[in-house]
């Protein structure tokens, strides 16, 4: 269902069911420019959709579209359709067949929801994420060639059992913005590994400051401007 919103509300609250019955909760702001992409932006482990709100508002103020949602077991996405509560804190073992493994399918269902409910073309729905969210976005993009562009902030070779090595090697050539901070060892080493595997990937590579991880890189205004500028370029 689409929750009613007041005329001055910036975000439209949305909920829908994942393929395996998790009630996912997000917030949407429609693109105001016809050429603009709508970006689905995913948060990191133990966080929530709110970590992207400041950046997403800058994006939408420039005419882009944004959709943010709480990953399964996080914040408001904390129940199954049958009413059973769920929490990522209870999912001890990552890997195939576990709740973590359903996250790429959750993203696929989010894209389908945007297409069917808000009539956003799948070819204009780009994806990105921070930390665990970056891994999920990459796995999804590798399986869906219509994704026009991809943002990876502090991706890791494997987070919560979601490994990105094969998805990265098999992903069709599309624009990618990849970033990590030099003093964030796992993410920075992953970035170097990805560049070694596909040195001619179209896109842009950026560095955060110090040990900033994921959306913390937005504490640097120049980094934020760089990403916003790139998002406009790849429309």
Protein backbone atom coordinates (compact mmCIF):
# COMPACT_ATOMS: atom_id res chain seq x y z
CA UNK A 1 0.00 0.00 0.00
CA UNK A 2 1.01 3.63 -0.47
CA UNK A 3 0.59 5.60 2.72
CA UNK A 4 -1.17 8.97 2.41
CA UNK A 5 1.15 11.94 2.70
CA UNK A 6 0.62 15.64 3.26
CA UNK A 7 1.31 18.11 0.44
CA UNK A 8 4.46 19.36 2.15
CA UNK A 9 5.90 15.91 2.84
CA UNK A 10 9.20 15.32 1.04
CA UNK A 11 9.16 11.53 1.18
CA UNK A 12 6.25 9.26 0.28
CA UNK A 13 6.19 6.22 2.53
CA UNK A 14 5.74 2.90 0.74
CA UNK A 15 5.46 -0.74 1.85
CA UNK A 16 5.32 -3.96 -0.15
CA UNK A 17 6.01 -7.67 0.29
CA UNK A 18 9.25 -9.38 -0.69
CA UNK A 19 9.02 -12.67 -2.64
CA UNK A 20 9.35 -14.64 0.60
CA UNK A 21 6.89 -12.58 2.62
CA UNK A 22 8.93 -9.88 4.36
CA UNK A 23 7.08 -6.57 4.63
CA UNK A 24 9.61 -4.05 3.34
CA UNK A 25 9.24 -0.34 4.14
CA UNK A 26 10.73 2.51 2.15
CA UNK A 27 10.36 6.13 1.10
CA UNK A 28 10.16 7.55 -2.40
CA UNK A 29 10.69 10.91 -4.09
CA UNK A 30 9.84 11.09 -7.77
CA UNK A 31 12.31 12.50 -10.29
CA UNK A 32 11.35 15.95 -11.53
CA UNK A 33 13.40 15.78 -14.73
CA UNK A 34 12.30 13.41 -17.48
CA UNK A 35 15.88 12.38 -18.30
CA UNK A 36 16.87 11.67 -14.70
CA UNK A 37 17.42 8.25 -13.20
CA UNK A 38 15.64 7.10 -10.08
CA UNK A 39 18.24 5.75 -7.66
CA UNK A 40 17.52 2.91 -5.24
CA UNK A 41 20.10 3.38 -2.47
CA UNK A 42 20.77 0.64 0.09
CA UNK A 43 22.12 1.05 3.60
CA UNK A 44 24.73 -0.96 5.49
CA UNK A 45 24.50 -3.69 8.10
CA UNK A 46 22.73 -2.64 11.28
CA UNK A 47 21.74 0.73 9.85
CA UNK A 48 18.57 2.02 8.16
CA UNK A 49 17.32 3.92 5.13
CA UNK A 50 17.81 7.15 7.06
CA UNK A 51 21.57 7.04 6.52
CA UNK A 52 20.98 8.02 2.88
CA UNK A 53 18.37 10.74 3.43
CA UNK A 54 20.64 13.80 3.44
CA UNK A 55 22.43 12.76 0.28
CA UNK A 56 19.21 11.62 -1.42
CA UNK A 57 17.59 14.99 -0.77
CA UNK A 58 20.53 16.69 -2.49
CA UNK A 59 20.02 14.30 -5.40
CA UNK A 60 16.28 14.92 -5.65
CA UNK A 61 16.73 18.69 -5.26
CA UNK A 62 18.69 18.46 -8.52
CA UNK A 63 15.83 16.66 -10.23
CA UNK A 64 16.80 13.04 -9.73
CA UNK A 65 14.56 10.40 -8.19
CA UNK A 66 15.35 8.43 -5.05
CA UNK A 67 14.00 5.39 -3.29
CA UNK A 68 15.35 4.28 0.09
CA UNK A 69 14.20 1.26 2.05
CA UNK A 70 15.06 -0.61 5.22
CA UNK A 71 16.71 -3.94 4.51
CA UNK A 72 14.93 -7.03 5.80
CA UNK A 73 15.30 -7.40 9.54
CA UNK A 74 16.30 -3.74 9.94
CA UNK A 75 14.39 -0.79 11.37
CA UNK A 76 10.82 -0.74 9.94
CA UNK A 77 11.25 -3.84 7.74
CA UNK A 78 10.89 -6.01 10.81
CA UNK A 79 7.88 -8.27 10.21
CA UNK A 80 6.72 -11.02 7.93
CA UNK A 81 3.34 -10.78 6.26
CA UNK A 82 1.99 -13.27 8.84
CA UNK A 83 2.94 -10.88 11.65
CA UNK A 84 6.05 -12.72 12.82
CA UNK A 85 8.77 -10.28 13.92
CA UNK A 86 12.22 -10.60 12.36
CA UNK A 87 15.63 -9.09 13.20
CA UNK A 88 18.99 -9.40 11.50
CA UNK A 89 20.48 -9.85 14.99
CA UNK A 90 18.94 -13.33 15.07
CA UNK A 91 20.54 -14.42 11.78
CA UNK A 92 23.77 -15.92 13.01
CA UNK A 93 24.97 -17.80 9.95
CA UNK A 94 25.16 -16.07 6.57
CA UNK A 95 25.10 -17.98 3.31
CA UNK A 96 22.80 -19.69 0.81
CA UNK A 97 19.29 -20.32 2.05
CA UNK A 98 19.54 -17.82 4.91
CA UNK A 99 17.60 -14.54 5.23
CA UNK A 100 20.72 -12.62 4.13
CA UNK A 101 20.61 -14.49 0.84
CA UNK A 102 17.20 -12.95 0.09
CA UNK A 103 18.47 -9.37 -0.05
CA UNK A 104 19.19 -9.21 -3.81
CA UNK A 105 15.67 -10.54 -4.46
CA UNK A 106 14.34 -7.82 -2.14
CA UNK A 107 16.03 -5.23 -4.36
CA UNK A 108 14.52 -6.85 -7.44
CA UNK A 109 11.09 -6.61 -5.83
CA UNK A 110 11.72 -2.93 -5.01
CA UNK A 111 12.50 -2.20 -8.66
CA UNK A 112 9.37 -4.06 -9.79
CA UNK A 113 7.30 -2.15 -7.26
CA UNK A 114 8.62 1.20 -8.55
CA UNK A 115 7.89 0.15 -12.11
CA UNK A 116 4.37 -1.13 -11.49
CA UNK A 117 3.19 1.28 -8.82
CA UNK A 118 4.87 4.50 -9.90
CA UNK A 119 5.42 3.74 -13.61
CA UNK A 120 9.18 4.27 -13.48
CA UNK A 121 10.93 2.66 -16.46
CA UNK A 122 13.26 -0.16 -15.39
CA UNK A 123 15.86 1.32 -17.74
CA UNK A 124 15.86 4.46 -15.59
CA UNK A 125 16.18 2.72 -12.21
CA UNK A 126 19.82 2.80 -11.12
CA UNK A 127 21.07 1.18 -7.93
CA UNK A 128 23.71 1.80 -5.32
CA UNK A 129 24.63 1.01 -1.78
CA UNK A 130 27.00 1.45 1.12
CA UNK A 131 28.91 -1.43 2.72
CA UNK A 132 26.58 -4.47 2.76
CA UNK A 133 24.16 -2.47 0.60
CA UNK A 134 26.89 -2.06 -2.04
CA UNK A 135 27.33 -5.83 -2.24
CA UNK A 136 23.59 -6.36 -2.62
CA UNK A 137 23.39 -3.69 -5.33
CA UNK A 138 26.28 -5.26 -7.27
CA UNK A 139 24.81 -8.77 -7.14
CA UNK A 140 21.48 -7.42 -8.37
CA UNK A 141 23.04 -5.33 -11.15
CA UNK A 142 25.05 -8.31 -12.39
CA UNK A 143 21.80 -10.22 -12.91
CA UNK A 144 19.77 -7.38 -14.45
CA UNK A 145 21.30 -5.80 -17.57
CA UNK A 146 18.70 -3.03 -17.65
CA UNK A 147 20.31 -1.35 -14.61
CA UNK A 148 21.80 1.81 -16.17
CA UNK A 149 24.41 2.64 -13.53
CA UNK A 150 25.79 1.46 -10.19
CA UNK A 151 27.25 3.12 -7.08
CA UNK A 152 29.50 1.13 -4.73
CA UNK A 153 30.55 2.80 -1.47
CA UNK A 154 32.86 0.65 0.68
CA UNK A 155 31.97 -2.67 -0.91
CA UNK A 156 33.64 -5.76 0.56
CA UNK A 157 34.59 -9.01 -1.13
CA UNK A 158 32.03 -10.62 1.17
CA UNK A 159 29.61 -9.15 3.69
CA UNK A 160 27.05 -11.36 5.47
CA UNK A 161 27.78 -14.17 3.03
CA UNK A 162 27.08 -11.99 -0.03
CA UNK A 163 30.18 -12.40 -2.19
CA UNK A 164 30.77 -10.05 -5.11
CA UNK A 165 33.69 -11.64 -6.98
CA UNK A 166 31.72 -13.56 -9.61
CA UNK A 167 28.99 -10.91 -9.95
CA UNK A 168 31.68 -8.30 -10.63
CA UNK A 169 33.39 -10.46 -13.26
CA UNK A 170 30.10 -11.28 -14.98
CA UNK A 171 28.48 -7.85 -14.89
CA UNK A 172 27.93 -6.29 -18.30
CA UNK A 173 29.80 -3.07 -18.99
CA UNK A 174 27.86 -0.22 -17.39
CA UNK A 175 28.93 2.96 -15.59
CA UNK A 176 30.13 2.37 -12.03
CA UNK A 177 31.10 4.85 -9.31
CA UNK A 178 33.27 2.97 -6.80
CA UNK A 179 34.78 4.48 -3.67
CA UNK A 180 36.54 3.52 -0.46
CA UNK A 181 38.80 5.23 2.07
CA UNK A 182 42.52 4.38 2.31
CA UNK A 183 42.37 3.70 6.06
CA UNK A 184 39.31 1.45 5.74
CA UNK A 185 41.38 -1.68 4.99
CA UNK A 186 38.80 -4.23 3.88
CA UNK A 187 36.89 -1.83 1.67
CA UNK A 188 40.02 -0.26 0.19
CA UNK A 189 41.59 -3.62 -0.57
CA UNK A 190 38.33 -4.71 -2.17
CA UNK A 191 38.33 -1.60 -4.36
CA UNK A 192 41.87 -2.35 -5.53
CA UNK A 193 40.92 -5.97 -6.21
CA UNK A 194 37.91 -4.93 -8.29
CA UNK A 195 40.02 -2.54 -10.35
CA UNK A 196 42.63 -5.24 -10.97
CA UNK A 197 39.97 -7.65 -12.16
CA UNK A 198 38.34 -5.14 -14.52
CA UNK A 199 40.74 -2.25 -15.12
CA UNK A 200 38.72 -0.88 -18.04
CA UNK A 201 35.39 -0.64 -16.22
CA UNK A 202 33.60 2.54 -17.38
CA UNK A 203 33.02 4.93 -14.53
CA UNK A 204 34.82 6.74 -11.78
CA UNK A 205 36.92 5.74 -8.79
CA UNK A 206 37.03 7.98 -5.74
CA UNK A 207 38.55 7.94 -2.27
CA UNK A 208 37.04 8.96 1.03
CA UNK A 209 39.03 10.61 3.77
CA UNK A 210 40.86 8.66 6.46
CA UNK A 211 38.86 5.64 7.57
CA UNK A 212 35.43 6.92 6.53
CA UNK A 213 33.17 3.99 5.65
CA UNK A 214 30.08 4.01 3.47
CA UNK A 215 27.91 7.11 3.75
CA UNK A 216 30.39 8.64 6.21
CA UNK A 217 32.33 9.66 3.11
CA UNK A 218 29.62 12.29 2.57
CA UNK A 219 31.13 14.23 5.46
CA UNK A 220 33.48 15.53 2.78
CA UNK A 221 31.45 18.03 0.67
CA UNK A 222 33.79 17.56 -2.31
CA UNK A 223 33.13 13.83 -2.34
CA UNK A 224 29.39 14.48 -2.28
CA UNK A 225 29.65 16.92 -5.17
CA UNK A 226 31.71 14.45 -7.16
CA UNK A 227 29.11 11.70 -6.81
CA UNK A 228 26.18 14.02 -7.60
CA UNK A 229 27.97 15.28 -10.69
CA UNK A 230 28.66 11.73 -11.88
CA UNK A 231 25.03 10.72 -11.34
CA UNK A 232 23.98 13.57 -13.64
CA UNK A 233 26.56 12.56 -16.25
CA UNK A 234 25.26 8.98 -16.54
CA UNK A 235 21.62 9.86 -17.19
